[in-house]
Protein backbone atom coordinates (compact mmCIF):
# COMPACT_ATOMS: atom_id res chain seq x y z
CA MET A 1 1.14 -32.30 63.78
CA SER A 2 -2.36 -30.79 62.80
CA GLN A 3 -3.01 -27.32 63.87
CA SER A 4 -5.89 -27.23 66.43
CA THR A 5 -8.16 -24.42 67.71
CA PRO A 6 -9.71 -25.07 71.16
CA MET A 7 -13.15 -23.64 71.52
CA ARG A 8 -15.76 -23.42 74.36
CA ASN A 9 -19.03 -24.90 73.81
CA THR A 10 -21.32 -21.89 73.29
CA GLY A 11 -24.46 -23.92 73.08
CA ARG A 12 -24.30 -24.53 69.14
CA SER A 13 -24.64 -28.05 68.03
CA ILE A 14 -21.39 -29.89 67.63
CA ALA A 15 -22.88 -31.50 64.44
CA GLN A 16 -23.53 -27.98 62.97
CA LEU A 17 -19.85 -27.00 63.57
CA MET A 18 -18.57 -30.15 61.98
CA ARG A 19 -20.83 -29.67 58.79
CA GLN A 20 -19.62 -26.17 58.42
CA SER A 21 -16.05 -26.76 58.87
CA HIS A 22 -15.56 -30.48 57.86
CA ALA A 23 -13.69 -30.87 61.24
CA HIS A 24 -13.49 -33.80 63.61
CA VAL A 25 -14.02 -33.52 67.32
CA LYS A 26 -11.88 -34.61 70.34
CA ASP A 27 -13.74 -35.26 73.62
CA GLN A 28 -11.94 -33.75 76.60
CA GLY A 29 -14.63 -34.18 79.11
CA ASP A 30 -17.05 -31.54 80.50
CA ALA A 31 -14.55 -28.77 80.67
CA ALA A 32 -14.03 -28.24 76.95
CA VAL A 33 -14.58 -29.35 73.40
CA GLU A 34 -11.56 -29.17 70.97
CA ILE A 35 -12.40 -28.97 67.30
CA VAL A 36 -9.58 -29.89 64.91
CA LEU A 37 -9.66 -28.20 61.46
CA PRO A 38 -8.10 -29.92 58.53
CA THR A 39 -4.79 -28.41 57.01
CA LEU A 40 -5.24 -27.09 53.52
CA PRO A 41 -2.49 -26.23 50.94
CA LYS A 42 -1.84 -22.62 50.34
CA ASN A 43 -3.58 -22.77 46.83
CA GLY A 44 -6.86 -23.93 48.40
CA LEU A 45 -6.74 -27.37 47.03
CA SER A 46 -6.98 -30.54 49.00
CA ALA A 47 -4.31 -33.24 48.86
CA THR A 48 -6.50 -35.23 46.43
CA GLN A 49 -7.13 -32.20 44.12
CA GLN A 50 -3.48 -31.25 44.19
CA GLU A 51 -2.51 -34.79 43.17
CA GLY A 52 -5.01 -34.66 40.22
CA LEU A 53 -3.59 -31.28 39.15
CA ASP A 54 0.00 -32.55 39.12
CA LYS A 55 -1.09 -35.49 37.05
CA ALA A 56 -2.80 -33.19 34.49
CA LEU A 57 0.30 -30.88 34.35
CA ALA A 58 2.57 -33.92 33.78
CA TYR A 59 0.26 -35.19 31.02
CA ILE A 60 0.31 -31.75 29.31
CA GLU A 61 4.05 -31.67 29.41
CA GLU A 62 4.19 -35.23 27.86
CA LEU A 63 1.83 -33.97 24.99
CA GLN A 64 4.13 -30.98 24.45
CA GLN A 65 7.12 -33.24 24.01
CA THR A 66 5.29 -35.79 21.75
CA VAL A 67 2.03 -35.05 20.02
CA PHE A 68 2.25 -31.24 20.05
CA LYS A 69 6.06 -30.99 19.39
CA ASP A 70 5.68 -30.51 15.71
CA ILE A 71 2.96 -27.97 16.08
CA VAL A 72 5.04 -26.01 18.58
CA GLU A 73 8.06 -26.03 16.34
CA ALA A 74 5.96 -24.91 13.33
CA GLU A 75 4.45 -22.10 15.35
CA LYS A 76 7.96 -21.05 16.59
CA LYS A 77 9.20 -20.96 13.12
CA ARG A 78 6.30 -18.94 11.85
CA ARG A 79 6.91 -16.26 14.46
CA GLU A 80 10.59 -16.15 13.67
CA GLU A 81 9.69 -15.54 9.86
CA GLU A 82 7.20 -12.91 10.79
CA GLY A 83 9.91 -11.01 12.68
CA LYS A 84 12.22 -11.05 9.71
CA ILE A 85 12.45 -7.99 7.53
CA PRO A 86 11.77 -8.82 3.78
CA GLU A 87 14.73 -8.60 1.44
CA GLY A 88 15.35 -5.34 -0.25
CA THR A 89 13.43 -3.39 2.44
CA VAL A 90 14.07 0.34 2.14
CA ASN A 91 12.71 1.78 5.45
CA PRO A 92 15.45 3.31 7.74
CA GLY A 93 13.20 3.58 10.70
CA LEU A 94 12.14 -0.11 10.47
CA LEU A 95 15.79 -1.37 9.73
CA ALA A 96 17.09 0.73 12.69
CA GLY A 97 14.65 -1.21 15.03
CA MET A 98 12.20 1.50 15.86
CA ASP A 99 9.19 0.63 17.75
CA SER A 100 6.55 -0.33 15.22
CA ARG A 101 3.76 1.51 17.10
CA ALA A 102 5.71 4.72 17.35
CA LEU A 103 6.61 4.45 13.64
CA SER A 104 2.91 4.00 12.83
CA ILE A 105 2.04 7.15 14.69
CA MET A 106 4.58 9.22 12.85
CA SER A 107 3.31 7.84 9.55
CA ARG A 108 -0.31 8.51 10.15
CA LEU A 109 -2.49 11.57 9.08
CA TYR A 110 -5.95 12.78 9.88
CA VAL A 111 -7.99 13.70 6.73
CA GLY A 112 -11.10 15.79 7.13
CA SER A 113 -13.66 17.56 5.01
CA ILE A 114 -13.83 14.77 2.46
CA ASN A 115 -16.47 14.75 -0.21
CA PHE A 116 -19.17 12.13 0.55
CA GLU A 117 -18.92 10.68 -2.94
CA LEU A 118 -15.29 9.81 -2.63
CA THR A 119 -14.35 6.35 -1.51
CA ASP A 120 -11.25 4.79 0.16
CA GLU A 121 -9.83 4.06 -3.29
CA HIS A 122 -10.03 7.73 -4.31
CA ILE A 123 -8.19 8.79 -1.15
CA ASN A 124 -5.52 5.98 -1.77
CA GLN A 125 -4.94 7.19 -5.26
CA VAL A 126 -4.49 10.81 -4.31
CA PHE A 127 -2.25 10.25 -1.39
CA SER A 128 -0.10 7.52 -3.03
CA GLU A 129 1.65 10.30 -4.81
CA PHE A 130 3.60 11.03 -1.64
CA GLY A 131 4.60 7.47 -0.91
CA PRO A 132 3.51 3.92 0.03
CA VAL A 133 0.04 4.04 1.60
CA ARG A 134 -0.39 1.21 4.09
CA SER A 135 -4.03 1.80 4.87
CA VAL A 136 -7.07 4.15 4.51
CA SER A 137 -9.67 3.97 7.19
CA MET A 138 -12.85 6.11 6.93
CA SER A 139 -15.29 6.52 9.74
CA LYS A 140 -18.63 5.11 8.52
CA ASP A 141 -22.21 5.87 9.52
CA PRO A 142 -23.64 2.42 10.49
CA ALA A 143 -27.16 3.46 9.36
CA SER A 144 -26.39 4.73 5.86
CA GLY A 145 -23.12 2.82 5.36
CA ARG A 146 -21.52 6.05 4.06
CA HIS A 147 -18.37 7.64 5.54
CA LYS A 148 -18.73 10.67 7.83
CA GLY A 149 -16.48 12.90 5.78
CA TYR A 150 -13.23 12.19 7.73
CA GLY A 151 -10.69 9.30 8.08
CA PHE A 152 -7.09 8.46 8.52
CA VAL A 153 -4.30 7.66 5.99
CA GLU A 154 -1.33 5.68 7.22
CA PHE A 155 1.89 5.49 5.17
CA GLU A 156 4.79 3.03 5.44
CA VAL A 157 7.41 5.67 6.11
CA PRO A 158 7.11 9.00 8.08
CA GLU A 159 8.51 11.02 5.21
CA ALA A 160 5.49 10.31 3.08
CA ALA A 161 3.20 11.60 5.79
CA ALA A 162 5.24 14.72 6.17
CA LEU A 163 5.14 15.37 2.42
CA ALA A 164 1.34 14.96 2.32
CA LEU A 165 0.78 17.05 5.26
CA GLU A 166 2.78 19.99 3.66
CA ALA A 167 1.17 19.62 0.20
CA MET A 168 -2.43 18.51 0.68
CA ASN A 169 -3.77 20.71 3.58
CA GLY A 170 -6.37 22.98 1.98
CA THR A 171 -6.27 21.22 -1.36
CA VAL A 172 -9.66 21.17 -3.02
CA LEU A 173 -10.81 17.68 -3.79
CA GLY A 174 -14.38 16.97 -5.06
CA GLY A 175 -15.35 20.55 -4.31
CA ARG A 176 -14.26 20.60 -0.67
CA ALA A 177 -10.94 21.84 0.82
CA LEU A 178 -9.22 19.00 2.67
CA LYS A 179 -8.17 19.49 6.21
CA ILE A 180 -5.03 17.53 6.93
CA GLY A 181 -3.42 17.24 10.30
CA ARG A 182 -1.90 14.86 12.84
CA PRO A 183 -4.03 12.45 14.96
CA ASN A 184 -4.67 13.22 18.64
CA ASN A 185 -2.15 10.66 19.69
CA TYR A 186 0.62 12.29 17.89
CA GLU A 187 3.33 14.10 19.87
CA THR A 188 6.53 15.64 18.60
CA SER A 189 8.45 13.89 21.48
CA VAL A 190 7.59 10.50 19.80
CA ALA A 191 10.58 11.09 17.33
CA GLN A 192 13.10 12.15 20.06
CA GLY A 193 14.31 8.71 20.96
CA PHE A 194 14.84 7.56 17.35
CA PRO A 195 17.93 7.88 15.13
CA GLN A 196 18.44 11.34 13.83
CA PRO A 197 18.25 11.64 10.04
CA PRO A 198 21.39 12.46 8.13
CA LYS A 199 21.31 15.98 6.66
CA GLU A 200 22.87 14.40 3.49
CA ARG A 201 19.79 12.14 2.91
CA ILE A 202 16.62 13.11 1.07
CA TYR A 203 13.32 11.24 0.41
CA VAL A 204 11.99 10.95 -3.17
CA ALA A 205 8.46 9.67 -4.19
CA ASN A 206 6.28 9.46 -7.34
CA VAL A 207 9.14 8.18 -9.43
CA ASN A 208 8.15 6.88 -12.88
CA GLN A 209 8.63 3.23 -13.48
CA ALA A 210 10.87 3.99 -16.43
CA ILE A 211 13.37 5.73 -14.20
CA SER A 212 15.88 3.16 -12.57
CA GLU A 213 18.15 3.67 -9.64
CA ASP A 214 21.09 4.45 -11.89
CA VAL A 215 19.11 6.99 -13.93
CA LEU A 216 17.73 8.71 -10.83
CA LYS A 217 21.30 8.88 -9.52
CA GLU A 218 22.52 10.63 -12.67
CA ILE A 219 19.60 13.10 -12.47
CA PHE A 220 20.51 14.18 -8.97
CA GLU A 221 24.34 14.10 -9.41
CA PRO A 222 24.54 17.78 -10.78
CA PHE A 223 23.72 18.87 -7.11
CA GLY A 224 26.71 17.06 -5.73
CA ALA A 225 28.36 13.64 -5.42
CA VAL A 226 25.69 10.95 -4.69
CA SER A 227 26.95 8.20 -2.26
CA ALA A 228 23.72 6.07 -2.28
CA CYS A 229 20.43 5.91 -4.30
CA VAL A 230 17.96 3.17 -3.51
CA LEU A 231 14.33 2.59 -4.60
CA ALA A 232 11.97 0.27 -2.77
CA PRO A 233 11.54 -2.98 -4.74
CA ASP A 234 8.38 -4.94 -5.49
CA ILE A 235 9.20 -8.63 -4.96
CA ALA A 236 6.27 -9.69 -7.11
CA THR A 237 6.86 -7.46 -10.20
CA ARG A 238 10.59 -6.99 -9.73
CA GLN A 239 10.12 -3.35 -10.36
CA HIS A 240 10.55 -0.47 -8.06
CA ARG A 241 7.57 0.94 -6.15
CA GLY A 242 8.14 4.60 -6.97
CA TRP A 243 9.77 5.82 -3.87
CA GLY A 244 13.17 5.67 -2.11
CA TYR A 245 16.14 7.69 -0.66
CA ILE A 246 19.15 9.49 -2.09
CA GLU A 247 22.14 10.38 0.11
CA PHE A 248 24.77 12.89 -0.97
CA ALA A 249 28.26 13.37 0.14
CA GLU A 250 27.50 16.87 1.58
CA ALA A 251 24.37 18.22 3.34
CA ALA A 252 24.39 21.36 1.12
CA ALA A 253 23.89 19.28 -1.97
CA ALA A 254 20.82 17.63 -0.24
CA GLU A 255 19.35 21.00 0.51
CA GLN A 256 19.69 22.34 -3.05
CA ALA A 257 18.22 19.17 -4.45
CA VAL A 258 15.15 19.45 -2.29
CA VAL A 259 14.48 23.12 -3.45
CA ALA A 260 15.12 22.41 -7.11
CA MET A 261 13.52 19.01 -7.61
CA ASN A 262 10.43 19.00 -5.43
CA GLN A 263 7.39 19.12 -7.78
CA PHE A 264 9.69 18.77 -10.78
CA MET A 265 7.97 16.99 -13.75
CA LEU A 266 9.84 13.90 -14.45
CA GLY A 267 8.42 11.33 -16.86
CA ASN A 268 4.91 12.81 -16.79
CA LEU A 269 4.78 12.49 -13.00
CA VAL A 270 5.36 15.24 -10.44
CA LEU A 271 8.37 14.34 -8.29
CA ARG A 272 8.01 14.69 -4.53
CA VAL A 273 11.16 15.37 -2.59
CA ARG A 274 11.96 16.40 1.02
CA GLY A 275 14.31 15.93 3.81
CA CYS A 276 14.22 12.79 5.98
CA VAL A 277 12.31 12.49 9.24
CA VAL A 278 14.17 9.58 10.96
CA GLY A 279 17.60 8.04 10.41
CA GLY A 280 18.81 4.49 10.14
CA PRO A 281 20.29 2.08 7.44
CA LEU A 282 19.00 2.56 3.87
CA GLY A 283 18.80 -1.01 2.81
CA GLN A 284 19.75 -2.48 -0.43
CA GLY A 285 17.02 -1.40 -2.65
CA MET A 286 16.59 -3.02 -5.93
CA ALA A 287 19.95 -4.85 -5.40
CA GLY A 288 18.20 -6.74 -2.63
CA LEU A 289 15.78 -8.64 -4.97
CA PRO A 290 16.44 -12.37 -4.93
CA VAL A 291 18.44 -13.61 -7.93
CA GLU A 292 16.22 -15.34 -10.48
CA PRO A 293 17.55 -18.84 -11.51
CA SER A 294 19.03 -18.63 -14.99
CA PRO A 295 17.16 -20.52 -17.62
CA ALA A 296 18.66 -23.84 -18.67
CA SER A 297 20.45 -23.85 -22.13
CA ALA A 298 18.58 -25.36 -25.10
CA SER A 299 20.71 -28.48 -25.03
CA GLN A 300 19.83 -29.11 -21.39
CA ALA A 301 16.21 -28.22 -21.70
CA ALA A 302 15.26 -30.90 -24.23
CA PRO A 303 16.99 -33.09 -26.78
CA LYS A 304 16.80 -32.08 -30.42
CA PRO A 305 14.01 -33.84 -32.21
CA PRO A 306 14.96 -36.25 -34.93
CA GLN A 307 15.06 -34.99 -38.47
CA GLN A 308 12.10 -37.14 -39.51
CA VAL A 309 9.95 -35.43 -36.96
CA MET A 310 11.03 -31.98 -38.11
CA ASP A 311 10.16 -32.85 -41.78
CA VAL A 312 6.65 -33.78 -40.67
CA VAL A 313 6.27 -30.51 -38.73
CA ALA A 314 7.53 -28.46 -41.79
CA SER A 315 4.93 -30.10 -44.05
CA ILE A 316 2.10 -29.35 -41.57
CA ASN A 317 3.17 -25.72 -41.38
CA LEU A 318 3.02 -25.55 -45.13
CA SER A 319 -0.39 -26.91 -45.16
CA ILE A 320 -1.57 -24.39 -42.61
CA ASP A 321 0.01 -21.42 -44.48
CA ALA A 322 -1.61 -22.54 -47.69
CA ALA A 323 -5.05 -22.66 -46.07
CA ALA A 324 -4.61 -19.29 -44.16
CA PRO A 325 -6.63 -16.33 -45.41
CA GLN A 326 -4.80 -13.64 -47.40
CA PRO A 327 -3.73 -10.48 -45.62
CA GLN A 328 -6.34 -7.86 -45.45
CA PRO A 329 -5.73 -4.24 -46.70
CA PRO A 330 -4.12 -2.08 -43.94
CA VAL A 331 -6.47 -0.56 -41.40
CA ASP A 332 -7.37 3.05 -42.29
CA GLN A 333 -5.34 5.36 -40.24
CA HIS A 334 -5.44 9.04 -39.42
CA ASN A 335 -2.23 11.25 -39.25
CA VAL A 336 -2.52 13.98 -36.70
CA ASP A 337 0.52 16.43 -36.32
CA ASN A 338 2.93 13.70 -37.65
CA GLN A 339 1.60 11.11 -35.23
CA THR A 340 -0.31 8.11 -36.65
CA PHE A 341 -3.32 6.78 -34.76
CA PRO A 342 -5.05 3.40 -35.67
CA ALA A 343 -8.58 4.00 -36.49
CA ILE A 344 -10.93 2.54 -33.71
CA THR A 345 -14.12 1.92 -35.66
CA GLY A 346 -17.03 4.01 -34.52
CA SER A 347 -15.23 5.28 -31.41
CA PRO A 348 -16.59 8.57 -30.16
CA ILE A 349 -14.08 8.58 -27.19
CA VAL A 350 -10.77 10.49 -27.07
CA LEU A 351 -8.35 10.23 -24.20
CA LEU A 352 -6.26 13.31 -23.26
CA GLU A 353 -3.00 12.93 -21.26
CA ASN A 354 -0.53 15.29 -19.74
CA VAL A 355 -3.25 18.03 -19.35
CA VAL A 356 -2.22 18.41 -15.66
CA GLY A 357 0.93 17.45 -13.75
CA GLY A 358 -0.61 15.17 -11.25
CA ARG A 359 -3.59 14.56 -8.97
CA SER A 360 -2.94 17.62 -6.77
CA GLU A 361 -3.49 19.88 -9.82
CA VAL A 362 -6.97 18.48 -10.45
CA ASP A 363 -9.83 20.78 -9.39
CA ASP A 364 -13.55 20.95 -9.81
CA ASP A 365 -13.46 23.25 -12.82
CA LEU A 366 -11.07 21.07 -14.85
CA ALA A 367 -13.86 18.91 -16.54
CA GLY A 368 -16.09 21.85 -17.35
CA ASP A 369 -13.10 23.87 -18.76
CA MET A 370 -12.12 20.94 -21.00
CA ALA A 371 -15.79 20.49 -22.16
CA ASP A 372 -15.92 24.18 -23.18
CA GLU A 373 -12.84 23.68 -25.41
CA ALA A 374 -13.84 20.27 -26.67
CA ALA A 375 -17.24 21.56 -27.74
CA LYS A 376 -15.51 23.31 -30.73
CA CYS A 377 -14.95 19.99 -32.34
CA GLY A 378 -18.62 18.62 -31.98
CA LYS A 379 -21.37 17.72 -29.63
CA ILE A 380 -19.90 16.67 -26.16
CA THR A 381 -22.12 14.29 -24.18
CA LYS A 382 -19.64 13.79 -21.23
CA VAL A 383 -16.28 14.68 -19.87
CA VAL A 384 -14.69 12.32 -17.22
CA VAL A 385 -11.51 13.13 -15.20
CA HIS A 386 -10.03 9.81 -14.39
CA LEU A 387 -7.44 9.32 -11.59
CA ALA A 388 -5.31 6.35 -12.71
CA SER A 389 -4.65 3.68 -10.02
CA GLU A 390 -1.16 2.33 -9.41
CA HIS A 391 -2.21 -0.91 -11.10
CA GLU A 392 -3.25 1.04 -14.23
CA MET A 393 0.00 2.92 -14.34
CA GLN A 394 1.93 -0.37 -13.92
CA GLN A 395 -0.02 -1.82 -16.87
CA ARG A 396 0.93 1.42 -18.83
CA LEU A 397 -2.77 2.00 -19.54
CA PHE A 398 -1.91 5.67 -18.83
CA SER A 399 1.28 7.84 -19.25
CA GLY A 400 0.52 9.77 -16.05
CA GLN A 401 -1.69 10.01 -13.04
CA VAL A 402 -4.64 11.87 -14.75
CA GLY A 403 -6.51 11.08 -17.86
CA ILE A 404 -9.30 13.21 -19.35
CA PHE A 405 -11.94 11.34 -21.41
CA LEU A 406 -13.98 13.20 -24.06
CA GLN A 407 -17.16 11.43 -25.07
CA TYR A 408 -18.65 12.85 -28.32
CA SER A 409 -22.08 12.13 -29.84
CA ASP A 410 -20.38 10.82 -32.98
CA PRO A 411 -16.92 9.68 -34.20
CA ASP A 412 -16.44 12.64 -36.48
CA GLY A 413 -16.34 14.92 -33.43
CA ALA A 414 -13.82 12.70 -31.79
CA LEU A 415 -11.59 12.89 -34.95
CA ARG A 416 -11.70 16.60 -34.99
CA ALA A 417 -10.78 16.60 -31.29
CA LEU A 418 -7.51 14.54 -32.06
CA GLU A 419 -6.61 17.12 -34.61
CA LEU A 420 -7.21 19.86 -32.21
CA PHE A 421 -5.72 18.62 -29.01
CA ASN A 422 -2.87 16.27 -29.93
CA GLY A 423 0.49 18.04 -29.63
CA ARG A 424 -1.19 21.26 -28.31
CA TRP A 425 0.53 23.10 -25.44
CA PHE A 426 -1.56 23.75 -22.32
CA GLY A 427 -0.24 25.34 -19.17
CA GLY A 428 3.45 24.51 -19.99
CA ARG A 429 2.63 20.95 -20.90
CA GLN A 430 2.15 19.32 -24.37
CA ILE A 431 -1.08 17.38 -24.61
CA ALA A 432 -1.18 13.87 -25.98
CA ALA A 433 -4.59 12.83 -27.51
CA ARG A 434 -5.54 9.41 -28.74
CA PRO A 435 -8.68 7.47 -29.70
CA TYR A 436 -9.96 5.09 -26.97
CA ASP A 437 -12.04 1.86 -27.03
CA PRO A 438 -15.59 2.61 -25.74
CA ASP A 439 -15.93 -0.77 -23.79
CA GLN A 440 -12.62 -0.14 -21.89
CA TYR A 441 -13.62 3.54 -21.38
CA ARG A 442 -16.93 2.50 -19.77
CA MET A 443 -15.17 -0.12 -17.53
CA LEU A 444 -12.41 2.28 -16.40
CA THR A 445 -14.69 5.22 -15.60
CA SER A 446 -17.68 3.42 -14.05
CA ALA A 447 -16.67 4.52 -10.49
CA ASP A 448 -15.35 8.03 -11.41
CA THR A 449 -17.00 10.95 -9.68
CA MET A 450 -15.37 13.90 -11.44
CA VAL A 451 -17.81 13.99 -14.38
CA PHE A 452 -19.17 16.90 -16.38
CA ILE A 453 -22.29 16.50 -18.50
CA PRO A 454 -23.31 19.54 -20.48
């Protein structure tokens, strides 16, 4: 039964009341006028509107079960794949199920007092010595497009951030002492709810590509029995990424290894070692790489060609050999301290390697100091201190992280520099000097900022 509200006629027009309330009127004589208001659903829709809404919802449900079913399933599968941890992952916090936002906060650093000539790539190169850099974000001035002298570096693991904080605060880079700290949203209480790191476990970074897990284990075993040694794998290159974890049988062995091996020169790279920040499973490391399919045998790959075909191929090869030019005389070579260098015709460029141990040892005076020494061999036109990128090191373009290019006014000066520098000891390191192709030199150093021009 419809709910009704009796009202006295207060002199307003019945028609006005009906228009405002969409009501109908019951005449009960002169005594009173009863206006009956329509009943509306709780959601404010009329019965007709509610019916239309129900039909629309039913149609959407039908689409979900028919037309959109494949799309929904594909999206569900994509989200499941995104939630999976890649094979071979070496990240205890991630494997332990830590909250990704909290893990990100613990792996992030503030970097201030940055030289305005340095770019994101320069900062990435410097800080990658401590572990995998996830991102570098520099605050930019919208008017000039240049950064404001500060930014943030986020690593993949908290141990890398802790190492960089300990080593880089106050380090001079591009003439300015860096200010390294934690972001404003960092709190020590963030780590309290996470698995505590085993005291027997240490973190290692800046490991040379030539050092395998087994070799690294052998290097650290003199400190005590090693129960696990894993390096983070690169799925694309099937090589390790230069960082990982070592776990000893005893905590005392781990402590001794940190004291003795941090900043130890290993394969022309400065090894970075410290205790762990968070606990959790280690992961499989290089053993977690997917197994590559074995190549098919020769008999399975292709049938053996008929002998008649082989005879024709042999006759063609003989014709080619007969028409080929005779071998040229051997290229002139220069012997420097019992090391032979192929002569690069007309090259006035010399590359010096192993002058410093790593990026952290580079200062503003290095290029000028090298120019003073190199001037003994001839007229120097430019000295460039080049910080090798991770890609360049993987391609073995450099034997370390830092290369120093000497540019002479003529090739004779470069030859004398080879004789002076190659094999020479400098600051406890033996320098390696070699001639360098001028075109490749210009390409590699085009963006370098640590340049000295006499």
